[in-house]
C-alpha atoms as a PDB file:
ATOM      1  CA  UNK A   1     138.240 -16.706 -85.140  1.00  0.00           C
ATOM      2  CA  UNK A   2     138.138 -14.915 -88.491  1.00  0.00           C
ATOM      3  CA  UNK A   3     137.443 -18.155 -90.342  1.00  0.00           C
ATOM      4  CA  UNK A   4     134.185 -18.861 -88.485  1.00  0.00           C
ATOM      5  CA  UNK A   5     131.205 -19.796 -90.603  1.00  0.00           C
ATOM      6  CA  UNK A   6     128.612 -17.194 -91.340  1.00  0.00           C
ATOM      7  CA  UNK A   7     125.998 -19.597 -90.338  1.00  0.00           C
ATOM      8  CA  UNK A   8     126.814 -19.091 -86.682  1.00  0.00           C
ATOM      9  CA  UNK A   9     126.438 -15.293 -86.920  1.00  0.00           C
ATOM     10  CA  UNK A  10     122.904 -15.364 -85.371  1.00  0.00           C
ATOM     11  CA  UNK A  11     124.304 -17.146 -82.170  1.00  0.00           C
ATOM     12  CA  UNK A  12     127.262 -14.999 -81.757  1.00  0.00           C
ATOM     13  CA  UNK A  13     125.586 -11.522 -82.476  1.00  0.00           C
ATOM     14  CA  UNK A  14     121.726 -11.988 -82.062  1.00  0.00           C
ATOM     15  CA  UNK A  15     121.052  -8.293 -82.426  1.00  0.00           C
ATOM     16  CA  UNK A  16     122.841  -7.933 -85.756  1.00  0.00           C
ATOM     17  CA  UNK A  17     120.922  -6.777 -88.855  1.00  0.00           C
ATOM     18  CA  UNK A  18     118.070  -7.260 -89.649  1.00  0.00           C
ATOM     19  CA  UNK A  19     116.940  -7.513 -86.023  1.00  0.00           C
ATOM     20  CA  UNK A  20     119.085  -4.559 -84.979  1.00  0.00           C
ATOM     21  CA  UNK A  21     117.512  -2.500 -87.748  1.00  0.00           C
ATOM     22  CA  UNK A  22     114.486  -1.920 -85.728  1.00  0.00           C
ATOM     23  CA  UNK A  23     115.337  -2.888 -82.259  1.00  0.00           C
ATOM     24  CA  UNK A  24     117.095  -0.773 -79.676  1.00  0.00           C
ATOM     25  CA  UNK A  25     119.745  -2.344 -77.638  1.00  0.00           C
ATOM     26  CA  UNK A  26     119.329   0.201 -74.762  1.00  0.00           C
ATOM     27  CA  UNK A  27     116.083  -1.403 -73.653  1.00  0.00           C
ATOM     28  CA  UNK A  28     113.827   1.396 -75.160  1.00  0.00           C
ATOM     29  CA  UNK A  29     112.188  -1.032 -77.573  1.00  0.00           C
ATOM     30  CA  UNK A  30     111.657  -0.568 -81.185  1.00  0.00           C
ATOM     31  CA  UNK A  31     112.938   2.424 -83.022  1.00  0.00           C
ATOM     32  CA  UNK A  32     110.685   5.241 -83.868  1.00  0.00           C
ATOM     33  CA  UNK A  33     110.478   4.034 -87.465  1.00  0.00           C
ATOM     34  CA  UNK A  34     107.643   1.423 -87.297  1.00  0.00           C
ATOM     35  CA  UNK A  35     108.827  -1.723 -89.273  1.00  0.00           C
ATOM     36  CA  UNK A  36     106.444  -3.353 -91.824  1.00  0.00           C
ATOM     37  CA  UNK A  37     105.088  -6.865 -91.009  1.00  0.00           C
ATOM     38  CA  UNK A  38     107.667  -8.571 -93.163  1.00  0.00           C
ATOM     39  CA  UNK A  39     110.443  -6.490 -91.649  1.00  0.00           C
ATOM     40  CA  UNK A  40     109.233  -7.552 -88.226  1.00  0.00           C
ATOM     41  CA  UNK A  41     109.117 -11.229 -89.186  1.00  0.00           C
ATOM     42  CA  UNK A  42     112.520 -11.221 -90.863  1.00  0.00           C
ATOM     43  CA  UNK A  43     114.066  -9.209 -87.931  1.00  0.00           C
ATOM     44  CA  UNK A  44     112.800 -11.607 -85.398  1.00  0.00           C
ATOM     45  CA  UNK A  45     114.258 -14.651 -86.952  1.00  0.00           C
ATOM     46  CA  UNK A  46     117.570 -14.559 -85.204  1.00  0.00           C
ATOM     47  CA  UNK A  47     115.822 -15.150 -81.979  1.00  0.00           C
ATOM     48  CA  UNK A  48     114.363 -18.363 -83.284  1.00  0.00           C
ATOM     49  CA  UNK A  49     117.688 -19.275 -84.805  1.00  0.00           C
ATOM     50  CA  UNK A  50     119.216 -19.123 -81.369  1.00  0.00           C
ATOM     51  CA  UNK A  51     116.906 -21.662 -80.223  1.00  0.00           C
ATOM     52  CA  UNK A  52     116.851 -24.011 -83.148  1.00  0.00           C
ATOM     53  CA  UNK A  53     120.382 -23.890 -84.296  1.00  0.00           C
ATOM     54  CA  UNK A  54     122.263 -27.377 -83.641  1.00  0.00           C
ATOM     55  CA  UNK A  55     125.175 -25.452 -82.166  1.00  0.00           C
ATOM     56  CA  UNK A  56     123.104 -23.243 -79.790  1.00  0.00           C
ATOM     57  CA  UNK A  57     124.659 -22.492 -76.356  1.00  0.00           C
ATOM     58  CA  UNK A  58     122.985 -22.268 -73.069  1.00  0.00           C
ATOM     59  CA  UNK A  59     123.594 -18.655 -72.914  1.00  0.00           C
ATOM     60  CA  UNK A  60     122.262 -17.979 -76.314  1.00  0.00           C
ATOM     61  CA  UNK A  61     119.003 -19.859 -75.455  1.00  0.00           C
ATOM     62  CA  UNK A  62     118.672 -17.800 -72.270  1.00  0.00           C
ATOM     63  CA  UNK A  63     119.200 -14.533 -74.306  1.00  0.00           C
ATOM     64  CA  UNK A  64     116.462 -15.862 -76.808  1.00  0.00           C
ATOM     65  CA  UNK A  65     114.120 -16.421 -73.905  1.00  0.00           C
ATOM     66  CA  UNK A  66     114.662 -13.074 -72.511  1.00  0.00           C
ATOM     67  CA  UNK A  67     114.109 -11.423 -75.910  1.00  0.00           C
ATOM     68  CA  UNK A  68     110.956 -13.222 -76.253  1.00  0.00           C
ATOM     69  CA  UNK A  69     109.707 -11.785 -72.833  1.00  0.00           C
ATOM     70  CA  UNK A  70     110.491  -8.386 -74.218  1.00  0.00           C
ATOM     71  CA  UNK A  71     108.894  -8.911 -77.638  1.00  0.00           C
ATOM     72  CA  UNK A  72     105.768  -9.947 -75.830  1.00  0.00           C
ATOM     73  CA  UNK A  73     105.187  -6.382 -74.891  1.00  0.00           C
ATOM     74  CA  UNK A  74     105.503  -5.051 -78.448  1.00  0.00           C
ATOM     75  CA  UNK A  75     102.671  -3.806 -80.686  1.00  0.00           C
ATOM     76  CA  UNK A  76      99.897  -6.335 -80.774  1.00  0.00           C
ATOM     77  CA  UNK A  77      99.496  -6.034 -84.601  1.00  0.00           C
ATOM     78  CA  UNK A  78     102.847  -7.829 -84.968  1.00  0.00           C
ATOM     79  CA  UNK A  79     102.383 -10.413 -82.203  1.00  0.00           C
ATOM     80  CA  UNK A  80      98.908 -11.358 -83.939  1.00  0.00           C
ATOM     81  CA  UNK A  81     100.614 -12.369 -87.075  1.00  0.00           C
ATOM     82  CA  UNK A  82     100.022 -16.030 -87.753  1.00  0.00           C
ATOM     83  CA  UNK A  83     103.498 -16.630 -88.967  1.00  0.00           C
ATOM     84  CA  UNK A  84     104.867 -15.115 -85.762  1.00  0.00           C
ATOM     85  CA  UNK A  85     102.451 -16.868 -83.458  1.00  0.00           C
ATOM     86  CA  UNK A  86     103.260 -20.329 -84.729  1.00  0.00           C
ATOM     87  CA  UNK A  87     107.051 -19.810 -84.515  1.00  0.00           C
ATOM     88  CA  UNK A  88     106.773 -18.265 -81.138  1.00  0.00           C
ATOM     89  CA  UNK A  89     104.785 -21.172 -79.479  1.00  0.00           C
ATOM     90  CA  UNK A  90     107.166 -23.764 -81.109  1.00  0.00           C
ATOM     91  CA  UNK A  91     110.084 -21.755 -79.545  1.00  0.00           C
ATOM     92  CA  UNK A  92     108.435 -21.590 -76.195  1.00  0.00           C
ATOM     93  CA  UNK A  93     107.800 -25.310 -76.327  1.00  0.00           C
ATOM     94  CA  UNK A  94     111.451 -26.032 -76.955  1.00  0.00           C
ATOM     95  CA  UNK A  95     112.601 -23.614 -74.292  1.00  0.00           C
ATOM     96  CA  UNK A  96     110.395 -25.083 -71.667  1.00  0.00           C
ATOM     97  CA  UNK A  97     111.785 -28.522 -72.297  1.00  0.00           C
ATOM     98  CA  UNK A  98     115.414 -27.233 -72.416  1.00  0.00           C
ATOM     99  CA  UNK A  99     117.811 -29.196 -70.222  1.00  0.00           C
ATOM    100  CA  UNK A 100     119.025 -26.101 -68.544  1.00  0.00           C
ATOM    101  CA  UNK A 101     117.055 -24.792 -65.513  1.00  0.00           C
ATOM    102  CA  UNK A 102     117.881 -21.190 -66.327  1.00  0.00           C
ATOM    103  CA  UNK A 103     116.617 -21.543 -69.824  1.00  0.00           C
ATOM    104  CA  UNK A 104     113.348 -23.085 -68.570  1.00  0.00           C
ATOM    105  CA  UNK A 105     113.019 -20.224 -65.934  1.00  0.00           C
ATOM    106  CA  UNK A 106     113.020 -17.461 -68.623  1.00  0.00           C
ATOM    107  CA  UNK A 107     110.869 -19.600 -70.798  1.00  0.00           C
ATOM    108  CA  UNK A 108     108.169 -19.756 -68.186  1.00  0.00           C
ATOM    109  CA  UNK A 109     108.320 -15.950 -67.758  1.00  0.00           C
ATOM    110  CA  UNK A 110     107.922 -15.504 -71.562  1.00  0.00           C
ATOM    111  CA  UNK A 111     105.105 -18.013 -71.770  1.00  0.00           C
ATOM    112  CA  UNK A 112     103.308 -16.304 -69.012  1.00  0.00           C
ATOM    113  CA  UNK A 113     103.683 -13.089 -70.672  1.00  0.00           C
ATOM    114  CA  UNK A 114     102.398 -14.372 -74.068  1.00  0.00           C
ATOM    115  CA  UNK A 115      99.484 -16.168 -72.333  1.00  0.00           C
ATOM    116  CA  UNK A 116      98.073 -12.756 -71.466  1.00  0.00           C
ATOM    117  CA  UNK A 117      97.455 -12.138 -74.975  1.00  0.00           C
ATOM    118  CA  UNK A 118      94.011 -13.692 -76.265  1.00  0.00           C
ATOM    119  CA  UNK A 119      95.431 -14.704 -79.598  1.00  0.00           C
ATOM    120  CA  UNK A 120      97.890 -17.118 -77.878  1.00  0.00           C
ATOM    121  CA  UNK A 121      95.502 -18.747 -75.465  1.00  0.00           C
ATOM    122  CA  UNK A 122      94.109 -21.391 -77.780  1.00  0.00           C
ATOM    123  CA  UNK A 123      97.639 -22.290 -79.208  1.00  0.00           C
ATOM    124  CA  UNK A 124      98.990 -22.812 -75.563  1.00  0.00           C
ATOM    125  CA  UNK A 125      96.019 -24.681 -74.536  1.00  0.00           C
ATOM    126  CA  UNK A 126      96.441 -27.236 -77.347  1.00  0.00           C
ATOM    127  CA  UNK A 127     100.209 -27.578 -77.223  1.00  0.00           C
ATOM    128  CA  UNK A 128     102.680 -29.398 -75.016  1.00  0.00           C
ATOM    129  CA  UNK A 129     103.172 -26.095 -73.044  1.00  0.00           C
ATOM    130  CA  UNK A 130     100.484 -27.137 -70.655  1.00  0.00           C
ATOM    131  CA  UNK A 131     102.218 -30.453 -69.747  1.00  0.00           C
ATOM    132  CA  UNK A 132     105.477 -28.774 -69.469  1.00  0.00           C
ATOM    133  CA  UNK A 133     104.035 -26.153 -66.944  1.00  0.00           C
ATOM    134  CA  UNK A 134     102.308 -28.945 -65.011  1.00  0.00           C
ATOM    135  CA  UNK A 135     105.512 -30.916 -64.707  1.00  0.00           C
ATOM    136  CA  UNK A 136     107.345 -27.870 -63.566  1.00  0.00           C
ATOM    137  CA  UNK A 137     104.725 -27.305 -60.793  1.00  0.00           C
ATOM    138  CA  UNK A 138     104.549 -30.986 -59.756  1.00  0.00           C
ATOM    139  CA  UNK A 139     108.386 -31.606 -59.896  1.00  0.00           C
ATOM    140  CA  UNK A 140     110.093 -32.054 -56.586  1.00  0.00           C
ATOM    141  CA  UNK A 141     113.364 -30.257 -56.926  1.00  0.00           C
ATOM    142  CA  UNK A 142     116.487 -31.151 -54.712  1.00  0.00           C
ATOM    143  CA  UNK A 143     116.988 -29.103 -51.602  1.00  0.00           C
ATOM    144  CA  UNK A 144     119.652 -27.185 -53.290  1.00  0.00           C
ATOM    145  CA  UNK A 145     117.391 -26.339 -56.206  1.00  0.00           C
ATOM    146  CA  UNK A 146     114.259 -25.561 -54.241  1.00  0.00           C
ATOM    147  CA  UNK A 147     114.911 -21.910 -53.535  1.00  0.00           C
ATOM    148  CA  UNK A 148     116.331 -21.290 -57.065  1.00  0.00           C
ATOM    149  CA  UNK A 149     113.240 -22.789 -58.674  1.00  0.00           C
ATOM    150  CA  UNK A 150     110.621 -21.404 -56.256  1.00  0.00           C
ATOM    151  CA  UNK A 151     109.598 -18.352 -58.379  1.00  0.00           C
ATOM    152  CA  UNK A 152     109.501 -20.163 -61.817  1.00  0.00           C
ATOM    153  CA  UNK A 153     107.346 -22.943 -60.103  1.00  0.00           C
ATOM    154  CA  UNK A 154     105.096 -20.137 -58.738  1.00  0.00           C
ATOM    155  CA  UNK A 155     104.767 -18.516 -62.181  1.00  0.00           C
ATOM    156  CA  UNK A 156     103.990 -21.835 -63.683  1.00  0.00           C
ATOM    157  CA  UNK A 157     101.418 -22.558 -61.087  1.00  0.00           C
ATOM    158  CA  UNK A 158      99.829 -19.120 -61.448  1.00  0.00           C
ATOM    159  CA  UNK A 159      99.558 -19.477 -65.268  1.00  0.00           C
ATOM    160  CA  UNK A 160      97.840 -22.972 -64.916  1.00  0.00           C
ATOM    161  CA  UNK A 161      95.413 -21.612 -62.507  1.00  0.00           C
ATOM    162  CA  UNK A 162      94.453 -18.861 -64.736  1.00  0.00           C
ATOM    163  CA  UNK A 163      93.954 -21.082 -67.627  1.00  0.00           C
ATOM    164  CA  UNK A 164      92.116 -23.571 -65.579  1.00  0.00           C
ATOM    165  CA  UNK A 165      89.601 -20.901 -64.459  1.00  0.00           C
ATOM    166  CA  UNK A 166      88.939 -19.546 -67.938  1.00  0.00           C
ATOM    167  CA  UNK A 167      89.144 -22.994 -69.686  1.00  0.00           C
ATOM    168  CA  UNK A 168      88.662 -25.749 -66.892  1.00  0.00           C
ATOM    169  CA  UNK A 169      87.477 -28.560 -69.275  1.00  0.00           C
ATOM    170  CA  UNK A 170      90.057 -28.076 -71.893  1.00  0.00           C
ATOM    171  CA  UNK A 171      92.972 -27.835 -69.415  1.00  0.00           C
ATOM    172  CA  UNK A 172      91.817 -30.973 -67.695  1.00  0.00           C
ATOM    173  CA  UNK A 173      91.395 -32.951 -70.966  1.00  0.00           C
ATOM    174  CA  UNK A 174      94.651 -31.837 -72.468  1.00  0.00           C
ATOM    175  CA  UNK A 175      96.500 -32.896 -69.278  1.00  0.00           C
ATOM    176  CA  UNK A 176      94.855 -36.124 -68.829  1.00  0.00           C
ATOM    177  CA  UNK A 177      95.690 -36.858 -72.453  1.00  0.00           C
ATOM    178  CA  UNK A 178      99.387 -36.931 -71.208  1.00  0.00           C
ATOM    179  CA  UNK A 179      98.545 -39.037 -68.208  1.00  0.00           C
ATOM    180  CA  UNK A 180      99.044 -36.156 -65.855  1.00  0.00           C
ATOM    181  CA  UNK A 181      97.573 -36.572 -62.288  1.00  0.00           C
ATOM    182  CA  UNK A 182      95.081 -33.774 -62.705  1.00  0.00           C
ATOM    183  CA  UNK A 183      92.663 -34.903 -59.845  1.00  0.00           C
ATOM    184  CA  UNK A 184      95.636 -34.892 -57.290  1.00  0.00           C
ATOM    185  CA  UNK A 185      96.906 -31.537 -58.536  1.00  0.00           C
ATOM    186  CA  UNK A 186      93.389 -30.015 -58.121  1.00  0.00           C
ATOM    187  CA  UNK A 187      93.149 -31.522 -54.739  1.00  0.00           C
ATOM    188  CA  UNK A 188      96.485 -30.023 -53.681  1.00  0.00           C
ATOM    189  CA  UNK A 189      95.477 -26.597 -55.229  1.00  0.00           C
ATOM    190  CA  UNK A 190      92.186 -26.524 -53.361  1.00  0.00           C
ATOM    191  CA  UNK A 191      93.998 -27.264 -50.095  1.00  0.00           C
ATOM    192  CA  UNK A 192      96.539 -24.537 -50.747  1.00  0.00           C
ATOM    193  CA  UNK A 193      93.698 -22.055 -51.509  1.00  0.00           C
ATOM    194  CA  UNK A 194      91.935 -22.766 -48.260  1.00  0.00           C
ATOM    195  CA  UNK A 195      95.309 -22.259 -46.422  1.00  0.00           C
ATOM    196  CA  UNK A 196      95.792 -18.961 -48.103  1.00  0.00           C
ATOM    197  CA  UNK A 197      92.190 -17.909 -47.133  1.00  0.00           C
ATOM    198  CA  UNK A 198      92.960 -18.644 -43.419  1.00  0.00           C
ATOM    199  CA  UNK A 199      96.042 -16.435 -43.335  1.00  0.00           C
END
């Protein structure tokens, strides 16, 4: 529709300028011309708009989560920018609480990727991301959903386990603030660990 509002452009064409100006659609990553910090921040905004826009579609949010997975592997000098980190963590929180299971699946993958970067650990520990991960792990999916959600639940459990080993007191305290059954989860985790050791 040629009369469509220009405000919907980021949703319909997420890789248009300025993002496309330094991002390669063929999967090879950033173009050889290294963007400045501001170019990176400006160029990444369409991803966040795909998540925040009131008319965003499920497909646009899935694509946004996939793009964040890809962005997590970019030059650390961009990922460490405070302006990006704050928006990125807020975007991950929104995606993890999305009503669509596919969106949540890619959001978990993106979160796990960013959690490998030291500059994101504190932000993740003190956000609702921990609770979202916990709820994914502890949820009991229907029989029809169990297989489809198995990998995402394993990824969430793995991330929680890693953070629990490196920051046990913080993880426990943050989850208990939200009335999560941490003791029961830890008991189940230890049982599973012993079963794995016996195999």
